[in-house]
């Protein structure tokens, strides 16, 4: 297992280098696959707990990465797993979350700060389905399978349970997908990993494919070190999409967090490891 992890980590570094190459010399893949959902249904509530985030809080571990735990109507879903199995274990135990009870896992993309924590879940329960982007690297998919999980590839947006959907992959690089839950009388709560394709594009795709109004977006926005102009454009696009709440975590960057809080204080939601966000129809 140790040798496998070393090999996987080395390969991830290679993937990162290739990502930089394709950033400057992109491959034109054509239009991303779309699948309009006529009716996805809804849930009465959704609770999102930040299990791993590099924005520290209290005695929780805060390595660079992200993992979100979504609970709704009897479903327990892990969205991304962070970079470190031990960090995921410690934080889950301190927050009182039993990850043995997970129903399934959704991985946004192949980078190590989103997948390596899966080793801890494999110790608890290997009889789980892990949903990954169809164009995730073969190496990463093979590694997840070797941990004992069932890997299901997603390309177009797909409803996986009443009111719960995976937003089909977009190209960043790398390819990345998101998770959405439709809360009754509120709208879509959208979970994002790093938003390499653009958080505004992911939110727009979710709203369009699912024919639902977006209410909140939570996760990494990939804006650390971005120009002021880019951050302002992203912020405007998010607000024009109809979002009511925005929770920038992980790679969103302090600059974007400050800008958004100053420009749109009514929509800004501060977040860090250990944060719990609750959504229900009673909020309307």
Protein backbone atom coordinates (compact mmCIF):
# COMPACT_ATOMS: atom_id res chain seq x y z
CA UNK A 1 0.00 0.00 0.00
CA UNK A 2 2.86 2.39 0.82
CA UNK A 3 4.55 1.78 -2.53
CA UNK A 4 1.22 2.22 -4.30
CA UNK A 5 0.67 5.54 -2.55
CA UNK A 6 4.17 6.76 -3.47
CA UNK A 7 3.63 5.80 -7.10
CA UNK A 8 0.23 7.46 -7.15
CA UNK A 9 1.57 10.65 -5.60
CA UNK A 10 4.39 10.79 -8.17
CA UNK A 11 1.90 10.30 -10.95
CA UNK A 12 -0.27 13.10 -9.58
CA UNK A 13 2.72 15.43 -9.79
CA UNK A 14 3.10 14.43 -13.42
CA UNK A 15 -0.60 15.05 -14.00
CA UNK A 16 -0.22 18.52 -12.45
CA UNK A 17 2.65 19.29 -14.82
CA UNK A 18 0.60 18.11 -17.78
CA UNK A 19 -2.31 20.25 -16.58
CA UNK A 20 -0.06 23.31 -16.77
CA UNK A 21 0.93 22.33 -20.29
CA UNK A 22 -2.66 21.94 -21.42
CA UNK A 23 -3.53 25.24 -19.75
CA UNK A 24 -1.29 26.98 -22.28
CA UNK A 25 -1.79 24.52 -25.15
CA UNK A 26 -5.38 23.35 -24.64
CA UNK A 27 -6.97 20.46 -26.45
CA UNK A 28 -10.31 21.47 -27.92
CA UNK A 29 -12.64 18.72 -26.82
CA UNK A 30 -15.80 20.26 -28.27
CA UNK A 31 -18.98 20.95 -26.34
CA UNK A 32 -19.32 19.12 -23.01
CA UNK A 33 -22.00 16.44 -22.82
CA UNK A 34 -25.36 17.75 -21.65
CA UNK A 35 -28.40 15.96 -20.37
CA UNK A 36 -31.44 18.03 -19.52
CA UNK A 37 -33.30 16.70 -16.50
CA UNK A 38 -37.04 17.27 -16.77
CA UNK A 39 -37.66 16.59 -13.08
CA UNK A 40 -35.12 15.83 -10.36
CA UNK A 41 -37.42 16.01 -7.34
CA UNK A 42 -36.46 17.61 -4.05
CA UNK A 43 -35.52 16.98 -0.45
CA UNK A 44 -36.87 18.65 2.66
CA UNK A 45 -33.46 19.58 4.05
CA UNK A 46 -29.71 19.31 3.54
CA UNK A 47 -26.88 19.61 6.07
CA UNK A 48 -23.32 20.12 4.85
CA UNK A 49 -20.34 19.67 7.21
CA UNK A 50 -16.83 20.77 6.22
CA UNK A 51 -14.73 17.76 7.22
CA UNK A 52 -11.47 18.96 5.68
CA UNK A 53 -10.48 22.48 4.66
CA UNK A 54 -7.25 24.46 4.79
CA UNK A 55 -9.03 27.33 6.54
CA UNK A 56 -8.32 26.34 10.17
CA UNK A 57 -10.65 26.26 13.15
CA UNK A 58 -10.34 25.08 16.76
CA UNK A 59 -8.50 21.78 17.25
CA UNK A 60 -9.44 20.36 13.84
CA UNK A 61 -6.75 19.35 11.35
CA UNK A 62 -6.53 21.69 8.35
CA UNK A 63 -4.24 20.42 5.55
CA UNK A 64 -4.53 21.83 2.03
CA UNK A 65 -7.57 20.14 0.54
CA UNK A 66 -11.29 19.72 0.97
CA UNK A 67 -13.88 17.15 1.99
CA UNK A 68 -17.58 17.85 2.50
CA UNK A 69 -20.15 15.61 4.18
CA UNK A 70 -23.74 15.92 2.98
CA UNK A 71 -26.65 14.45 4.89
CA UNK A 72 -30.23 14.53 3.67
CA UNK A 73 -33.37 12.36 3.99
CA UNK A 74 -31.46 9.32 5.16
CA UNK A 75 -28.63 9.71 2.65
CA UNK A 76 -25.04 10.21 3.78
CA UNK A 77 -22.69 11.34 1.03
CA UNK A 78 -18.98 12.20 1.07
CA UNK A 79 -17.95 14.77 -1.52
CA UNK A 80 -14.18 14.60 -1.98
CA UNK A 81 -11.93 13.08 0.67
CA UNK A 82 -9.15 15.59 1.29
CA UNK A 83 -5.41 14.91 1.01
CA UNK A 84 -4.75 12.86 4.13
CA UNK A 85 -6.50 9.76 5.56
CA UNK A 86 -5.45 10.69 9.11
CA UNK A 87 -6.83 14.23 8.83
CA UNK A 88 -10.15 12.85 7.61
CA UNK A 89 -10.25 10.36 10.47
CA UNK A 90 -9.40 12.87 13.20
CA UNK A 91 -11.85 15.50 12.01
CA UNK A 92 -14.71 13.04 11.48
CA UNK A 93 -14.23 11.67 15.00
CA UNK A 94 -14.01 15.13 16.58
CA UNK A 95 -17.11 16.28 14.70
CA UNK A 96 -19.04 13.15 15.64
CA UNK A 97 -19.56 11.89 12.09
CA UNK A 98 -19.52 8.13 11.51
CA UNK A 99 -18.16 7.60 8.01
CA UNK A 100 -18.88 3.87 8.22
CA UNK A 101 -22.49 4.81 7.45
CA UNK A 102 -21.78 6.47 4.09
CA UNK A 103 -24.11 5.56 1.23
CA UNK A 104 -21.74 6.62 -1.54
CA UNK A 105 -18.90 8.97 -2.44
CA UNK A 106 -18.56 11.63 -5.16
CA UNK A 107 -15.09 12.76 -6.24
CA UNK A 108 -14.88 16.08 -8.07
CA UNK A 109 -11.57 15.46 -9.87
CA UNK A 110 -8.30 13.56 -9.72
CA UNK A 111 -5.97 15.84 -7.75
CA UNK A 112 -4.43 14.39 -4.60
CA UNK A 113 -5.84 17.00 -2.23
CA UNK A 114 -9.31 15.65 -3.10
CA UNK A 115 -8.77 11.87 -3.28
CA UNK A 116 -5.98 10.61 -1.02
CA UNK A 117 -8.22 10.58 2.07
CA UNK A 118 -10.12 7.70 0.44
CA UNK A 119 -7.60 5.35 2.06
CA UNK A 120 -9.30 5.98 5.41
CA UNK A 121 -12.76 5.21 4.01
CA UNK A 122 -11.40 1.97 2.54
CA UNK A 123 -10.45 0.90 6.07
CA UNK A 124 -14.04 1.41 7.19
CA UNK A 125 -16.16 0.22 4.27
CA UNK A 126 -15.00 -0.86 0.84
CA UNK A 127 -18.50 -1.79 -0.30
CA UNK A 128 -19.18 1.71 -1.56
CA UNK A 129 -19.73 3.26 -4.97
CA UNK A 130 -17.41 6.13 -5.87
CA UNK A 131 -18.70 8.40 -8.64
CA UNK A 132 -15.89 9.95 -10.69
CA UNK A 133 -15.66 12.06 -13.88
CA UNK A 134 -15.56 9.85 -16.95
CA UNK A 135 -12.37 11.55 -18.13
CA UNK A 136 -10.56 11.24 -14.83
CA UNK A 137 -7.08 9.84 -15.41
CA UNK A 138 -6.94 6.07 -15.78
CA UNK A 139 -4.27 5.94 -13.08
CA UNK A 140 -6.54 7.55 -10.51
CA UNK A 141 -9.51 5.33 -11.38
CA UNK A 142 -7.34 2.21 -11.10
CA UNK A 143 -6.03 3.37 -7.70
CA UNK A 144 -9.58 3.89 -6.39
CA UNK A 145 -10.59 0.45 -7.65
CA UNK A 146 -7.57 -1.13 -5.96
CA UNK A 147 -8.77 0.33 -2.68
CA UNK A 148 -11.79 -1.93 -3.14
CA UNK A 149 -14.42 0.58 -4.25
CA UNK A 150 -16.83 0.27 -7.16
CA UNK A 151 -16.05 3.08 -9.59
CA UNK A 152 -18.89 4.58 -11.63
CA UNK A 153 -17.98 7.10 -14.33
CA UNK A 154 -20.15 10.15 -14.97
CA UNK A 155 -20.05 12.32 -18.08
CA UNK A 156 -23.46 14.02 -18.36
CA UNK A 157 -25.51 15.34 -15.46
CA UNK A 158 -27.31 12.48 -13.71
CA UNK A 159 -29.88 12.22 -10.92
CA UNK A 160 -28.65 9.56 -8.51
CA UNK A 161 -31.43 9.83 -5.93
CA UNK A 162 -34.59 11.86 -5.44
CA UNK A 163 -33.45 15.50 -5.32
CA UNK A 164 -29.75 14.63 -5.59
CA UNK A 165 -27.69 14.90 -8.79
CA UNK A 166 -24.13 14.85 -10.04
CA UNK A 167 -23.35 17.75 -12.36
CA UNK A 168 -21.66 16.37 -15.46
CA UNK A 169 -17.98 17.00 -16.03
CA UNK A 170 -16.55 20.21 -17.48
CA UNK A 171 -12.98 20.62 -18.70
CA UNK A 172 -10.62 22.80 -16.67
CA UNK A 173 -8.11 21.12 -16.99
CA UNK A 174 -8.65 18.62 -15.49
CA UNK A 175 -12.19 17.37 -16.01
CA UNK A 176 -14.29 18.14 -12.97
CA UNK A 177 -17.80 17.39 -11.74
CA UNK A 178 -19.94 18.71 -8.89
CA UNK A 179 -22.74 17.56 -6.60
CA UNK A 180 -26.14 19.24 -6.20
CA UNK A 181 -29.13 18.74 -3.94
CA UNK A 182 -32.47 20.44 -4.56
CA UNK A 183 -34.02 21.63 -1.29
CA UNK A 184 -37.78 22.25 -1.39
CA UNK A 185 -38.70 25.95 -1.76
CA UNK A 186 -35.04 26.99 -1.75
CA UNK A 187 -33.29 25.58 -4.80
CA UNK A 188 -29.99 23.91 -5.57
CA UNK A 189 -27.23 23.56 -3.00
CA UNK A 190 -24.14 22.99 -5.17
CA UNK A 191 -20.92 21.43 -3.82
CA UNK A 192 -17.74 22.11 -5.79
CA UNK A 193 -14.21 20.79 -5.34
CA UNK A 194 -11.75 23.18 -7.00
CA UNK A 195 -13.83 24.68 -9.82
CA UNK A 196 -11.03 24.46 -12.36
CA UNK A 197 -13.54 24.99 -15.21
CA UNK A 198 -14.91 28.08 -13.37
CA UNK A 199 -17.31 28.06 -10.44
CA UNK A 200 -19.70 30.35 -12.33
CA UNK A 201 -19.77 27.88 -15.25
CA UNK A 202 -20.46 24.96 -12.91
CA UNK A 203 -23.34 26.81 -11.24
CA UNK A 204 -24.78 27.82 -14.63
CA UNK A 205 -24.57 24.22 -15.90
CA UNK A 206 -26.26 22.90 -12.75
CA UNK A 207 -29.15 25.35 -13.07
CA UNK A 208 -29.53 24.71 -16.80
CA UNK A 209 -29.25 20.92 -16.77
CA UNK A 210 -31.51 20.47 -13.75
CA UNK A 211 -33.95 23.27 -14.59
CA UNK A 212 -33.75 24.52 -10.99
CA UNK A 213 -32.80 27.83 -9.41
CA UNK A 214 -29.43 27.81 -7.62
CA UNK A 215 -29.54 28.81 -3.96
CA UNK A 216 -26.05 28.18 -2.55
CA UNK A 217 -22.60 27.10 -3.69
CA UNK A 218 -20.02 25.66 -1.29
CA UNK A 219 -16.40 24.68 -1.90
CA UNK A 220 -13.20 25.65 -3.67
CA UNK A 221 -13.40 28.36 -6.34
CA UNK A 222 -9.79 28.17 -7.66
CA UNK A 223 -9.24 31.93 -7.31
CA UNK A 224 -6.23 32.07 -5.01
CA UNK A 225 -3.84 34.53 -6.64
CA UNK A 226 -6.35 35.51 -9.35
CA UNK A 227 -6.45 39.06 -10.69
CA UNK A 228 -8.89 41.54 -9.20
CA UNK A 229 -10.71 41.75 -12.54
CA UNK A 230 -11.19 38.00 -12.73
CA UNK A 231 -12.45 37.80 -9.15
CA UNK A 232 -14.92 40.62 -9.74
CA UNK A 233 -16.21 38.98 -12.92
CA UNK A 234 -16.70 35.65 -11.17
CA UNK A 235 -18.47 37.35 -8.25
CA UNK A 236 -20.83 39.20 -10.60
CA UNK A 237 -21.59 36.05 -12.55
CA UNK A 238 -22.39 34.15 -9.37
CA UNK A 239 -24.80 36.84 -8.19
CA UNK A 240 -26.41 37.14 -11.62
CA UNK A 241 -27.07 33.39 -11.55
CA UNK A 242 -29.55 33.95 -8.71
CA UNK A 243 -27.49 32.50 -5.87
CA UNK A 244 -28.52 33.60 -2.41
CA UNK A 245 -25.57 32.20 -0.45
CA UNK A 246 -21.90 31.75 -1.41
CA UNK A 247 -19.39 29.86 0.76
CA UNK A 248 -15.81 30.11 -0.60
CA UNK A 249 -13.51 27.43 0.86
CA UNK A 250 -10.21 25.68 0.07
CA UNK A 251 -8.56 27.29 -2.99
CA UNK A 252 -10.93 30.27 -3.21
CA UNK A 253 -8.27 32.57 -1.77
CA UNK A 254 -8.41 35.25 0.90
CA UNK A 255 -8.58 37.93 -1.77
CA UNK A 256 -11.83 36.58 -3.18
CA UNK A 257 -13.27 35.95 0.25
CA UNK A 258 -12.64 39.59 1.25
CA UNK A 259 -13.89 40.95 -2.06
CA UNK A 260 -17.10 38.95 -1.98
CA UNK A 261 -17.80 39.80 1.66
CA UNK A 262 -17.32 43.52 0.93
CA UNK A 263 -19.28 43.60 -2.32
CA UNK A 264 -22.07 41.14 -1.47
CA UNK A 265 -22.31 40.88 2.33
CA UNK A 266 -25.89 39.63 2.15
CA UNK A 267 -24.78 36.55 0.22
CA UNK A 268 -21.34 35.88 1.70
CA UNK A 269 -21.02 32.89 3.99
CA UNK A 270 -17.83 32.51 5.98
CA UNK A 271 -16.56 28.96 6.17
CA UNK A 272 -13.74 26.80 7.48
CA UNK A 273 -13.03 23.26 8.60
CA UNK A 274 -15.78 22.27 11.03
CA UNK A 275 -18.42 24.61 9.58
CA UNK A 276 -21.94 23.19 9.37
CA UNK A 277 -24.37 24.67 6.85
CA UNK A 278 -28.04 23.74 7.19
CA UNK A 279 -30.68 24.33 4.53
CA UNK A 280 -34.40 23.68 4.75
CA UNK A 281 -37.66 25.00 3.34
CA UNK A 282 -38.17 26.88 6.62
CA UNK A 283 -35.54 29.40 5.43
CA UNK A 284 -37.91 30.89 2.86
